[in-house]
Amino acid sequence: MSSAALSRIHRGLIATLVSIYLVAGLAGPFVDVDNKILWIAFLCGGAALILVGAMVRALPPRLSAVLIAIGAIAGGIALLWTILVPLAAAVLVALSFSLSRRPQAA
């Protein structure tokens, strides 16, 4: 698969997971979970970390991949029961590290 195709999949996964995490986090007060504060913190914090890792261009590629990974895992833990979200988070983590290893275009 080409680098451009992987980058498009990566951006799509970022947009999808951030959207899911924000919607689920903002719905936290209306959801019947044991600890609403942790629910909201994991989901909204995960979305924020993913966005910072993806949007801040001044970050080194490895640090960007680490921030995306921490955010994806945090949100994936909160939505573990969905099965599909943690799988998408795992793919995002793998893609982030894979793309961070590639040589950067000048």
Protein backbone atom coordinates (compact mmCIF):
# COMPACT_ATOMS: atom_id res chain seq x y z
CA MET A 1 0.00 0.00 0.00
CA SER A 2 1.34 3.42 -0.87
CA SER A 3 2.32 6.03 1.66
CA ALA A 4 -0.43 8.36 0.46
CA ALA A 5 -3.07 5.69 0.98
CA LEU A 6 -1.78 4.94 4.48
CA SER A 7 -1.83 8.65 5.30
CA ARG A 8 -5.46 8.93 4.16
CA ILE A 9 -6.46 5.93 6.28
CA HIS A 10 -4.55 7.42 9.22
CA ARG A 11 -6.33 10.78 8.90
CA GLY A 12 -9.68 9.04 8.52
CA LEU A 13 -9.13 6.98 11.64
CA ILE A 14 -8.07 10.08 13.55
CA ALA A 15 -11.21 11.95 12.50
CA THR A 16 -13.45 8.98 13.26
CA LEU A 17 -12.01 8.20 16.69
CA VAL A 18 -11.89 11.85 17.78
CA SER A 19 -15.54 12.23 16.76
CA ILE A 20 -16.59 9.07 18.59
CA TYR A 21 -14.61 9.98 21.71
CA LEU A 22 -16.02 13.52 21.84
CA VAL A 23 -19.62 12.42 21.30
CA ALA A 24 -19.33 9.68 23.91
CA GLY A 25 -17.51 11.99 26.33
CA LEU A 26 -20.03 14.80 25.98
CA ALA A 27 -22.85 12.27 26.44
CA GLY A 28 -21.19 11.19 29.71
CA PRO A 29 -23.58 13.02 32.03
CA PHE A 30 -26.50 11.23 30.39
CA VAL A 31 -24.95 7.74 30.37
CA ASP A 32 -25.34 5.32 33.23
CA VAL A 33 -21.70 4.62 34.10
CA ASP A 34 -20.17 4.20 37.54
CA ASN A 35 -17.63 7.00 37.41
CA LYS A 36 -18.74 9.74 35.05
CA ILE A 37 -15.69 11.91 35.74
CA LEU A 38 -13.28 9.19 34.60
CA TRP A 39 -15.50 8.42 31.61
CA ILE A 40 -15.44 12.05 30.46
CA ALA A 41 -11.74 12.49 31.26
CA PHE A 42 -10.66 9.38 29.35
CA LEU A 43 -12.76 10.15 26.29
CA CYS A 44 -12.31 13.92 26.02
CA GLY A 45 -8.67 13.69 27.14
CA GLY A 46 -8.03 10.93 24.61
CA ALA A 47 -9.59 13.02 21.85
CA ALA A 48 -7.49 16.03 22.87
CA LEU A 49 -4.25 14.01 22.87
CA ILE A 50 -5.02 12.56 19.45
CA LEU A 51 -5.71 16.04 18.08
CA VAL A 52 -2.55 17.52 19.58
CA GLY A 53 -0.46 14.63 18.25
CA ALA A 54 -1.98 14.95 14.80
CA MET A 55 -2.20 18.73 14.42
CA VAL A 56 0.97 20.18 15.98
CA ARG A 57 3.54 20.07 13.20
CA ALA A 58 6.42 21.22 15.43
CA LEU A 59 6.44 17.89 17.26
CA PRO A 60 8.95 15.22 16.32
CA PRO A 61 7.25 12.29 14.54
CA ARG A 62 7.89 9.88 17.43
CA LEU A 63 6.36 12.22 20.02
CA SER A 64 3.37 12.76 17.77
CA ALA A 65 2.91 8.98 17.47
CA VAL A 66 3.19 8.58 21.25
CA LEU A 67 0.56 11.26 21.91
CA ILE A 68 -1.79 9.70 19.37
CA ALA A 69 -1.21 6.26 20.90
CA ILE A 70 -1.89 7.42 24.46
CA GLY A 71 -5.06 9.22 23.37
CA ALA A 72 -6.31 6.28 21.31
CA ILE A 73 -5.67 3.83 24.14
CA ALA A 74 -7.32 6.07 26.75
CA GLY A 75 -10.50 6.38 24.74
CA GLY A 76 -10.37 2.73 23.73
CA ILE A 77 -10.28 1.70 27.38
CA ALA A 78 -13.43 3.69 28.14
CA LEU A 79 -15.22 2.15 25.17
CA LEU A 80 -13.76 -1.34 25.56
CA TRP A 81 -17.20 -2.93 25.60
CA THR A 82 -17.83 -1.86 21.99
CA ILE A 83 -15.03 -4.10 20.66
CA LEU A 84 -14.87 -2.17 17.36
CA VAL A 85 -13.53 1.08 18.86
CA PRO A 86 -10.56 -0.60 20.61
CA LEU A 87 -9.73 -2.41 17.37
CA ALA A 88 -9.78 0.89 15.46
CA ALA A 89 -7.63 2.42 18.21
CA ALA A 90 -5.11 -0.42 17.87
CA VAL A 91 -4.95 0.11 14.10
CA LEU A 92 -4.45 3.85 14.64
CA VAL A 93 -1.59 3.20 17.07
CA ALA A 94 0.10 0.82 14.64
CA LEU A 95 -0.32 3.21 11.72
CA SER A 96 0.96 6.16 13.76
CA PHE A 97 4.19 4.39 14.64
CA SER A 98 4.54 3.00 11.14
CA LEU A 99 4.18 6.44 9.58
CA SER A 100 6.52 8.01 12.15
CA ARG A 101 9.31 5.67 11.03
CA ARG A 102 9.09 6.73 7.40
CA PRO A 103 11.48 9.40 6.15
CA GLN A 104 9.93 12.85 6.26
CA ALA A 105 9.48 14.78 3.03
CA ALA A 106 11.57 17.92 2.80
